[in-house]
Amino acid sequence: MDDLTYSLFDESELKAMEKKRGDLIIRKGIGKELSKEQKYFNRLIKRIDNLRQSIDQEREKLETLLKAYNDSIPKLNISFSEYQLQLARNLANAAGKWRFSNRQHDTLRDVILFLCDNAFQIIEPDEEMIALYNSWSDVSYEEELMMQEEHYKRIFAQQAKILFDLDLDPDDFDDSPEAYARISAQVRARIDEMEREMASTAPPRRKTQKQLEKEERLKHEEELKRRSVREIYLMLAKALHPDAASHLEDHEEREEMMKKATVAYKENDLPTLLALEMEWVASREKALDGIPDDTLKLYITALKEQVTQLTQIRYYLYMEPRYQVISDFSRNPHHEALKNIEEFRDELLDGIQSMGELVAITSGNPSKKLILEFIDTHMHPPHHENIPYSIFSDLNNDVPW
């Protein structure tokens, strides 16, 4: 075996090490063929490379979309919401100057509350707007927040009951890390209990020869893993001894790596120990050759774990909180998603223009006739939508200002 290089690191470590090591594959020597394990090792390396590239490409796409969104949408949302609040103020002021029928008053109230509800999703209301909201709503702003919180708690408790037959007290929920940890522990314990119940009630089945062989192989691999964790740790402890450091920087590097190795050893973390071993060898520009089959199998096990981890990272990438604001666009192809964001921006701009016109029209001392025409046009306030189109975009066409 002429050369052996591989990757068992996180993304930052990998990028730093790739500059030192070049190709991450096992190459066959002259007149030699790669073994089955070596070929499998190479396939895993290529799989990891492909996953990393895919993750990088998807993250780059998401970052591009997020930038395109953040360059304009948040500011436009704020502008639109500010106009909504100003229009709500104007309508509330007008309502105090004129007498309206009960039906007209109720419609005016619905429109005002609708405007406030939408705007409060974007802008934190000040005391003035909370007071305005409370003067028109049967339920105060503070009570509404509490009701929403209680609603979400009940939904969570109901789901826990349906999914896990777990009785949770909604009053036990709060935003503290302690409460989150406590509830997570309850759910985890219940899942473990359900798994034990299923295992104990499952009818015994006679295992096939293939299943027995697999169990024996896994048992052997686990034993080999436990033995190798100690062996690799001892090797690293010897190689990283501070007395062998040639200068201060080298001494600090050894200390840092030894800390990581000690933590990995205590946690029986073979992949991390293997990564540290390779990082140390790569940093000294040495080559690995003649790796025993048992050791190579360990490396393969670690690589398979890394493939699983990277696959999960790619799967959950779109669910990261950072990208939630673009969730309506991100699943589309890149260029289509960018176009959708541009269309969303244009719709917001149209809505802002229309809303600004309405604010201007209803400012000052609007006549009762104007307000009545406004109410007649909006006897049924539009339902809230994800995309804030101008909710009164047809007003100028319907009312002869």
Protein backbone atom coordinates (compact mmCIF):
# COMPACT_ATOMS: atom_id res chain seq x y z
CA MET A 1 0.00 0.00 0.00
CA ASP A 2 1.73 3.15 -1.19
CA ASP A 3 -0.37 5.82 0.47
CA LEU A 4 -3.33 6.13 2.79
CA THR A 5 -5.24 9.32 3.46
CA TYR A 6 -8.79 9.81 4.62
CA SER A 7 -11.23 12.21 6.29
CA LEU A 8 -12.86 11.76 9.68
CA PHE A 9 -13.23 15.42 10.61
CA ASP A 10 -15.77 18.17 10.82
CA GLU A 11 -15.94 20.68 7.96
CA SER A 12 -13.47 23.24 9.34
CA GLU A 13 -10.86 20.60 10.18
CA LEU A 14 -11.29 18.90 6.83
CA LYS A 15 -10.72 22.08 4.84
CA ALA A 16 -7.56 22.84 6.81
CA MET A 17 -6.21 19.32 6.37
CA GLU A 18 -7.06 18.95 2.69
CA LYS A 19 -4.44 21.61 1.99
CA LYS A 20 -1.84 19.33 3.56
CA ARG A 21 -2.84 15.91 2.28
CA GLY A 22 -4.31 16.07 -1.20
CA ASP A 23 -6.39 13.11 -2.40
CA LEU A 24 -8.32 11.28 0.31
CA ILE A 25 -8.13 7.75 -1.11
CA ILE A 26 -6.03 4.61 -0.79
CA ARG A 27 -3.97 4.01 -3.92
CA LYS A 28 -2.83 0.60 -5.06
CA GLY A 29 0.87 -0.07 -5.33
CA ILE A 30 2.69 -1.37 -8.38
CA GLY A 31 1.61 -4.92 -9.12
CA LYS A 32 -0.93 -4.87 -6.28
CA GLU A 33 -4.70 -4.81 -6.23
CA LEU A 34 -6.80 -3.10 -3.59
CA SER A 35 -8.48 -5.39 -1.12
CA LYS A 36 -12.25 -5.49 -0.65
CA GLU A 37 -11.92 -3.37 2.51
CA GLN A 38 -9.71 -0.83 0.76
CA LYS A 39 -12.17 -0.46 -2.12
CA TYR A 40 -15.03 -0.03 0.35
CA PHE A 41 -12.95 2.53 2.23
CA ASN A 42 -12.44 4.51 -1.00
CA ARG A 43 -16.15 4.38 -1.80
CA LEU A 44 -16.95 5.79 1.62
CA ILE A 45 -14.41 8.57 1.13
CA LYS A 46 -16.00 9.49 -2.20
CA ARG A 47 -19.44 9.32 -0.61
CA ILE A 48 -18.32 11.69 2.15
CA ASP A 49 -16.79 14.06 -0.41
CA ASN A 50 -20.05 14.07 -2.40
CA LEU A 51 -22.11 14.69 0.73
CA ARG A 52 -19.85 17.58 1.75
CA GLN A 53 -20.10 19.11 -1.70
CA SER A 54 -23.86 18.70 -1.67
CA ILE A 55 -24.13 20.32 1.77
CA ASP A 56 -21.86 23.17 0.69
CA GLN A 57 -23.92 23.73 -2.47
CA GLU A 58 -27.24 23.62 -0.63
CA ARG A 59 -25.97 25.93 2.11
CA GLU A 60 -24.61 28.34 -0.49
CA LYS A 61 -28.03 28.34 -2.16
CA LEU A 62 -29.78 28.98 1.16
CA GLU A 63 -27.36 31.76 2.07
CA THR A 64 -27.91 33.40 -1.33
CA LEU A 65 -31.68 33.23 -0.90
CA LEU A 66 -31.44 34.49 2.67
CA LYS A 67 -29.34 37.46 1.54
CA ALA A 68 -31.78 38.25 -1.28
CA TYR A 69 -34.64 38.10 1.23
CA ASN A 70 -32.91 40.13 3.95
CA ASP A 71 -31.76 42.81 1.52
CA SER A 72 -35.30 44.10 1.13
CA ILE A 73 -38.13 42.05 2.63
CA PRO A 74 -37.71 42.80 6.38
CA LYS A 75 -37.58 46.56 5.77
CA LEU A 76 -40.58 46.39 3.46
CA ASN A 77 -42.51 44.29 5.98
CA ILE A 78 -41.82 46.94 8.61
CA SER A 79 -42.93 49.73 6.28
CA PHE A 80 -46.12 47.89 5.39
CA SER A 81 -46.84 47.19 9.07
CA GLU A 82 -46.21 50.82 10.04
CA TYR A 83 -48.75 51.90 7.42
CA GLN A 84 -51.21 49.35 8.79
CA LEU A 85 -50.85 50.78 12.30
CA GLN A 86 -51.19 54.35 11.04
CA LEU A 87 -54.33 53.42 9.12
CA ALA A 88 -55.71 51.79 12.27
CA ARG A 89 -55.02 55.04 14.16
CA ASN A 90 -56.73 57.11 11.47
CA LEU A 91 -59.82 54.90 11.50
CA ALA A 92 -59.96 54.95 15.30
CA ASN A 93 -59.71 58.76 15.30
CA ALA A 94 -62.47 59.02 12.73
CA ALA A 95 -64.66 56.69 14.75
CA GLY A 96 -64.46 59.11 17.66
CA LYS A 97 -65.78 62.01 15.58
CA TRP A 98 -68.86 60.48 13.97
CA ARG A 99 -71.78 58.31 14.98
CA PHE A 100 -72.12 54.96 13.20
CA SER A 101 -74.69 52.19 13.20
CA ASN A 102 -73.89 49.11 15.25
CA ARG A 103 -73.11 47.16 12.10
CA GLN A 104 -70.85 49.88 10.74
CA HIS A 105 -69.11 50.21 14.09
CA ASP A 106 -68.54 46.45 14.32
CA THR A 107 -67.04 46.38 10.84
CA LEU A 108 -64.78 49.29 11.64
CA ARG A 109 -63.67 47.48 14.76
CA ASP A 110 -62.95 44.29 12.80
CA VAL A 111 -60.81 46.21 10.29
CA ILE A 112 -58.88 48.03 13.03
CA LEU A 113 -58.18 44.80 14.93
CA PHE A 114 -57.25 43.04 11.72
CA LEU A 115 -54.72 45.75 10.90
CA CYS A 116 -53.27 45.61 14.41
CA ASP A 117 -53.08 41.81 14.49
CA ASN A 118 -51.17 41.74 11.21
CA ALA A 119 -48.82 44.56 12.15
CA PHE A 120 -48.08 43.13 15.62
CA GLN A 121 -46.62 40.05 13.96
CA ILE A 122 -43.85 42.25 12.54
CA ILE A 123 -43.61 45.21 14.93
CA GLU A 124 -43.57 45.10 18.71
CA PRO A 125 -46.43 47.40 19.72
CA ASP A 126 -45.74 50.40 21.92
CA GLU A 127 -47.97 51.47 24.80
CA GLU A 128 -50.05 53.73 22.57
CA MET A 129 -50.90 50.93 20.11
CA ILE A 130 -51.60 48.46 22.91
CA ALA A 131 -54.00 50.96 24.42
CA LEU A 132 -55.70 51.47 21.04
CA TYR A 133 -55.99 47.71 20.54
CA ASN A 134 -57.40 47.22 24.04
CA SER A 135 -59.99 49.95 23.49
CA TRP A 136 -61.46 48.04 20.52
CA SER A 137 -60.90 44.41 21.48
CA ASP A 138 -63.00 42.35 23.88
CA VAL A 139 -59.75 40.71 25.00
CA SER A 140 -56.73 42.81 25.95
CA TYR A 141 -53.42 42.48 24.15
CA GLU A 142 -51.81 40.98 27.25
CA GLU A 143 -54.65 38.47 27.67
CA GLU A 144 -54.41 37.56 23.98
CA LEU A 145 -50.72 36.74 24.37
CA MET A 146 -51.46 34.60 27.41
CA MET A 147 -54.27 32.80 25.58
CA GLN A 148 -52.00 32.04 22.64
CA GLU A 149 -49.32 30.72 24.96
CA GLU A 150 -51.83 28.53 26.78
CA HIS A 151 -53.15 27.29 23.44
CA TYR A 152 -49.72 26.17 22.26
CA LYS A 153 -49.06 24.49 25.61
CA ARG A 154 -52.32 22.52 25.37
CA ILE A 155 -51.55 21.49 21.79
CA PHE A 156 -48.14 20.21 22.86
CA ALA A 157 -49.64 18.30 25.78
CA GLN A 158 -52.29 16.78 23.52
CA GLN A 159 -49.66 15.65 21.02
CA ALA A 160 -47.60 14.11 23.83
CA LYS A 161 -50.68 12.18 24.94
CA ILE A 162 -51.55 11.00 21.43
CA LEU A 163 -48.01 10.04 20.40
CA PHE A 164 -46.54 8.75 23.65
CA ASP A 165 -49.50 8.29 26.01
CA LEU A 166 -47.68 10.77 28.21
CA ASP A 167 -49.57 13.02 30.60
CA LEU A 168 -47.88 16.42 30.72
CA ASP A 169 -49.11 19.36 32.76
CA PRO A 170 -49.32 22.46 30.52
CA ASP A 171 -48.76 24.61 33.61
CA ASP A 172 -45.32 23.02 33.91
CA PHE A 173 -44.23 24.58 30.61
CA ASP A 174 -42.21 27.77 30.50
CA ASP A 175 -39.38 29.21 28.45
CA SER A 176 -36.61 28.27 30.86
CA PRO A 177 -33.85 25.82 29.88
CA GLU A 178 -34.68 23.81 32.99
CA ALA A 179 -38.27 23.28 31.91
CA TYR A 180 -37.19 22.31 28.40
CA ALA A 181 -34.67 19.81 29.77
CA ARG A 182 -37.23 18.39 32.20
CA ILE A 183 -39.89 17.86 29.54
CA SER A 184 -37.35 16.44 27.07
CA ALA A 185 -36.23 13.95 29.72
CA GLN A 186 -39.85 12.88 30.31
CA VAL A 187 -40.45 12.33 26.60
CA ARG A 188 -37.16 10.44 26.18
CA ALA A 189 -37.91 8.23 29.19
CA ARG A 190 -41.37 7.45 27.84
CA ILE A 191 -39.97 6.54 24.41
CA ASP A 192 -37.46 4.19 26.05
CA GLU A 193 -40.26 2.66 28.11
CA MET A 194 -42.39 2.10 25.01
CA GLU A 195 -39.47 0.45 23.24
CA ARG A 196 -38.93 -1.89 26.19
CA GLU A 197 -42.64 -2.74 26.26
CA MET A 198 -42.60 -3.56 22.55
CA ALA A 199 -39.51 -5.71 22.94
CA SER A 200 -40.97 -7.62 25.89
CA THR A 201 -44.31 -8.29 24.19
CA ALA A 202 -42.89 -9.16 20.77
CA PRO A 203 -43.17 -12.90 20.04
CA PRO A 204 -39.78 -14.62 20.03
CA ARG A 205 -38.51 -15.47 16.59
CA ARG A 206 -35.89 -17.97 15.64
CA LYS A 207 -32.90 -16.11 14.26
CA THR A 208 -31.56 -16.99 10.86
CA GLN A 209 -27.97 -17.99 10.29
CA LYS A 210 -27.37 -14.63 8.60
CA GLN A 211 -28.71 -12.77 11.65
CA LEU A 212 -26.53 -14.81 13.98
CA GLU A 213 -23.47 -14.10 11.86
CA LYS A 214 -24.26 -10.40 11.84
CA GLU A 215 -24.63 -10.34 15.64
CA GLU A 216 -21.30 -12.10 16.01
CA ARG A 217 -19.64 -9.67 13.63
CA LEU A 218 -21.06 -6.65 15.45
CA LYS A 219 -19.96 -8.12 18.77
CA HIS A 220 -16.45 -8.57 17.40
CA GLU A 221 -16.40 -5.04 16.02
CA GLU A 222 -17.56 -3.61 19.34
CA GLU A 223 -14.86 -5.49 21.19
CA LEU A 224 -12.28 -4.32 18.67
CA LYS A 225 -13.58 -0.78 19.05
CA ARG A 226 -13.23 -0.85 22.85
CA ARG A 227 -9.71 -2.23 22.60
CA SER A 228 -8.70 0.26 19.92
CA VAL A 229 -10.03 3.25 21.85
CA ARG A 230 -7.54 2.53 24.60
CA GLU A 231 -4.71 1.70 22.17
CA ILE A 232 -5.17 4.86 20.12
CA TYR A 233 -5.44 6.99 23.25
CA LEU A 234 -2.20 5.58 24.66
CA MET A 235 -0.47 6.13 21.32
CA LEU A 236 -1.66 9.75 21.22
CA ALA A 237 -0.67 10.33 24.84
CA LYS A 238 2.84 9.18 24.02
CA ALA A 239 3.09 11.10 20.73
CA LEU A 240 1.65 14.30 22.18
CA HIS A 241 3.78 14.40 25.31
CA PRO A 242 4.81 18.05 25.94
CA ASP A 243 8.46 17.06 26.48
CA ALA A 244 8.72 16.24 22.78
CA ALA A 245 7.63 19.74 21.74
CA SER A 246 10.27 21.68 19.80
CA HIS A 247 8.83 25.17 20.40
CA LEU A 248 6.05 26.98 22.26
CA GLU A 249 3.53 26.80 19.42
CA ASP A 250 4.09 23.05 19.10
CA HIS A 251 3.68 22.68 22.87
CA GLU A 252 0.31 24.48 22.80
CA GLU A 253 -0.87 22.39 19.84
CA ARG A 254 -0.02 19.18 21.69
CA GLU A 255 -1.84 20.32 24.80
CA GLU A 256 -4.98 21.22 22.84
CA MET A 257 -5.04 17.89 20.99
CA MET A 258 -4.43 15.97 24.20
CA LYS A 259 -7.42 17.66 25.83
CA LYS A 260 -9.62 16.54 22.93
CA ALA A 261 -8.17 13.02 23.08
CA THR A 262 -8.84 12.72 26.82
CA VAL A 263 -12.47 13.79 26.42
CA ALA A 264 -12.94 11.35 23.51
CA TYR A 265 -11.36 8.52 25.52
CA LYS A 266 -13.66 9.13 28.50
CA GLU A 267 -16.67 9.11 26.16
CA ASN A 268 -15.46 6.01 24.29
CA ASP A 269 -15.57 8.14 21.12
CA LEU A 270 -13.61 6.17 18.52
CA PRO A 271 -14.31 8.43 15.49
CA THR A 272 -12.89 11.47 17.28
CA LEU A 273 -9.81 9.56 18.40
CA LEU A 274 -9.25 8.31 14.86
CA ALA A 275 -9.63 11.86 13.60
CA LEU A 276 -7.08 13.14 16.09
CA GLU A 277 -4.71 10.35 15.13
CA MET A 278 -4.95 11.23 11.46
CA GLU A 279 -4.72 14.95 12.16
CA TRP A 280 -1.50 14.40 14.08
CA VAL A 281 0.01 12.23 11.35
CA ALA A 282 -1.11 14.60 8.58
CA SER A 283 0.30 17.62 10.42
CA ARG A 284 3.70 15.90 10.48
CA GLU A 285 3.49 15.17 6.71
CA LYS A 286 3.88 11.44 7.21
CA ALA A 287 2.29 8.67 5.17
CA LEU A 288 0.37 5.70 6.53
CA ASP A 289 0.94 2.35 4.95
CA GLY A 290 0.57 -1.26 5.87
CA ILE A 291 -2.60 -0.67 7.87
CA PRO A 292 -3.84 -4.01 9.33
CA ASP A 293 -7.24 -5.22 8.19
CA ASP A 294 -8.72 -4.93 11.69
CA THR A 295 -7.63 -1.30 11.92
CA LEU A 296 -8.93 -0.59 8.42
CA LYS A 297 -12.28 -2.07 9.43
CA LEU A 298 -12.36 0.33 12.35
CA TYR A 299 -11.72 3.23 10.01
CA ILE A 300 -14.53 1.98 7.79
CA THR A 301 -16.87 1.84 10.79
CA ALA A 302 -15.96 5.43 11.67
CA LEU A 303 -16.46 6.55 8.08
CA LYS A 304 -19.88 4.91 7.94
CA GLU A 305 -20.84 6.86 11.05
CA GLN A 306 -19.67 10.03 9.36
CA VAL A 307 -21.74 9.25 6.27
CA THR A 308 -24.79 8.89 8.53
CA GLN A 309 -24.03 12.19 10.27
CA LEU A 310 -23.53 14.09 7.02
CA THR A 311 -26.71 12.60 5.57
CA GLN A 312 -28.61 13.88 8.60
CA ILE A 313 -26.98 17.30 8.33
CA ARG A 314 -28.07 17.56 4.71
CA TYR A 315 -31.60 16.40 5.53
CA TYR A 316 -32.09 18.87 8.38
CA LEU A 317 -30.32 21.76 6.66
CA TYR A 318 -33.56 23.29 5.41
CA MET A 319 -35.05 23.04 8.91
CA GLU A 320 -32.43 25.21 10.58
CA PRO A 321 -34.05 28.21 12.34
CA ARG A 322 -31.75 30.53 10.38
CA TYR A 323 -33.55 29.64 7.15
CA GLN A 324 -37.14 29.57 8.41
CA VAL A 325 -37.94 33.01 6.96
CA ILE A 326 -37.28 31.67 3.45
CA SER A 327 -38.99 28.31 3.94
CA ASP A 328 -41.72 29.27 1.47
CA PHE A 329 -39.10 29.70 -1.27
CA SER A 330 -36.09 27.52 -0.44
CA ARG A 331 -37.41 24.16 -1.68
CA ASN A 332 -37.71 25.51 -5.21
CA PRO A 333 -34.77 25.45 -7.65
CA HIS A 334 -32.31 28.29 -7.04
CA HIS A 335 -33.28 30.61 -9.90
CA GLU A 336 -36.98 29.99 -9.40
CA ALA A 337 -36.67 30.73 -5.68
CA LEU A 338 -34.86 34.01 -6.40
CA LYS A 339 -37.61 34.94 -8.84
CA ASN A 340 -40.25 34.14 -6.21
CA ILE A 341 -38.52 36.42 -3.70
CA GLU A 342 -38.41 39.20 -6.29
CA GLU A 343 -42.14 38.75 -6.96
CA PHE A 344 -42.80 38.79 -3.23
CA ARG A 345 -40.85 42.04 -2.96
CA ASP A 346 -42.80 43.61 -5.83
CA GLU A 347 -46.10 42.61 -4.24
CA LEU A 348 -44.99 44.18 -0.99
CA LEU A 349 -44.02 47.38 -2.78
CA ASP A 350 -47.46 47.52 -4.43
CA GLY A 351 -49.09 46.91 -1.06
CA ILE A 352 -47.04 49.64 0.59
CA GLN A 353 -47.99 52.11 -2.14
CA SER A 354 -51.69 51.32 -1.80
CA MET A 355 -51.55 51.38 1.97
CA GLY A 356 -49.71 54.70 1.89
CA GLU A 357 -52.43 56.18 -0.27
CA LEU A 358 -55.07 54.99 2.18
CA VAL A 359 -53.18 56.50 5.10
CA ALA A 360 -52.96 59.82 3.27
CA ILE A 361 -56.67 59.77 2.41
CA THR A 362 -57.80 58.96 5.94
CA SER A 363 -55.42 61.37 7.69
CA GLY A 364 -56.50 64.74 9.01
CA ASN A 365 -60.24 65.23 9.04
CA PRO A 366 -61.82 62.71 6.65
CA SER A 367 -65.53 63.24 6.05
CA LYS A 368 -68.08 60.84 7.46
CA LYS A 369 -69.08 60.02 3.88
CA LEU A 370 -65.54 58.92 3.11
CA ILE A 371 -65.39 56.70 6.20
CA LEU A 372 -68.81 55.20 5.40
CA GLU A 373 -67.68 54.41 1.86
CA PHE A 374 -64.57 52.84 3.34
CA ILE A 375 -66.69 50.71 5.70
CA ASP A 376 -69.08 49.69 2.92
CA THR A 377 -66.15 48.58 0.80
CA HIS A 378 -64.84 46.42 3.63
CA MET A 379 -67.89 45.01 5.33
CA HIS A 380 -65.91 41.72 5.63
CA PRO A 381 -62.22 42.25 6.41
CA PRO A 382 -59.94 40.01 4.35
CA HIS A 383 -58.40 36.97 5.98
CA HIS A 384 -54.77 37.09 6.97
CA GLU A 385 -52.43 35.61 4.35
CA ASN A 386 -48.79 34.62 4.50
CA ILE A 387 -47.92 37.13 1.80
CA PRO A 388 -49.00 40.64 2.81
CA TYR A 389 -50.56 41.87 -0.40
CA SER A 390 -52.25 45.21 -0.14
CA ILE A 391 -55.39 44.21 1.70
CA PHE A 392 -57.19 47.27 0.37
CA SER A 393 -55.71 47.28 -3.13
CA ASP A 394 -59.14 47.59 -4.79
CA LEU A 395 -60.32 50.52 -2.69
CA ASN A 396 -59.41 53.27 -5.16
CA ASN A 397 -61.31 51.45 -7.90
CA ASP A 398 -64.44 50.97 -5.79
CA VAL A 399 -64.72 54.32 -4.04
CA PRO A 400 -64.93 57.59 -6.02
CA TRP A 401 -62.57 59.66 -3.92
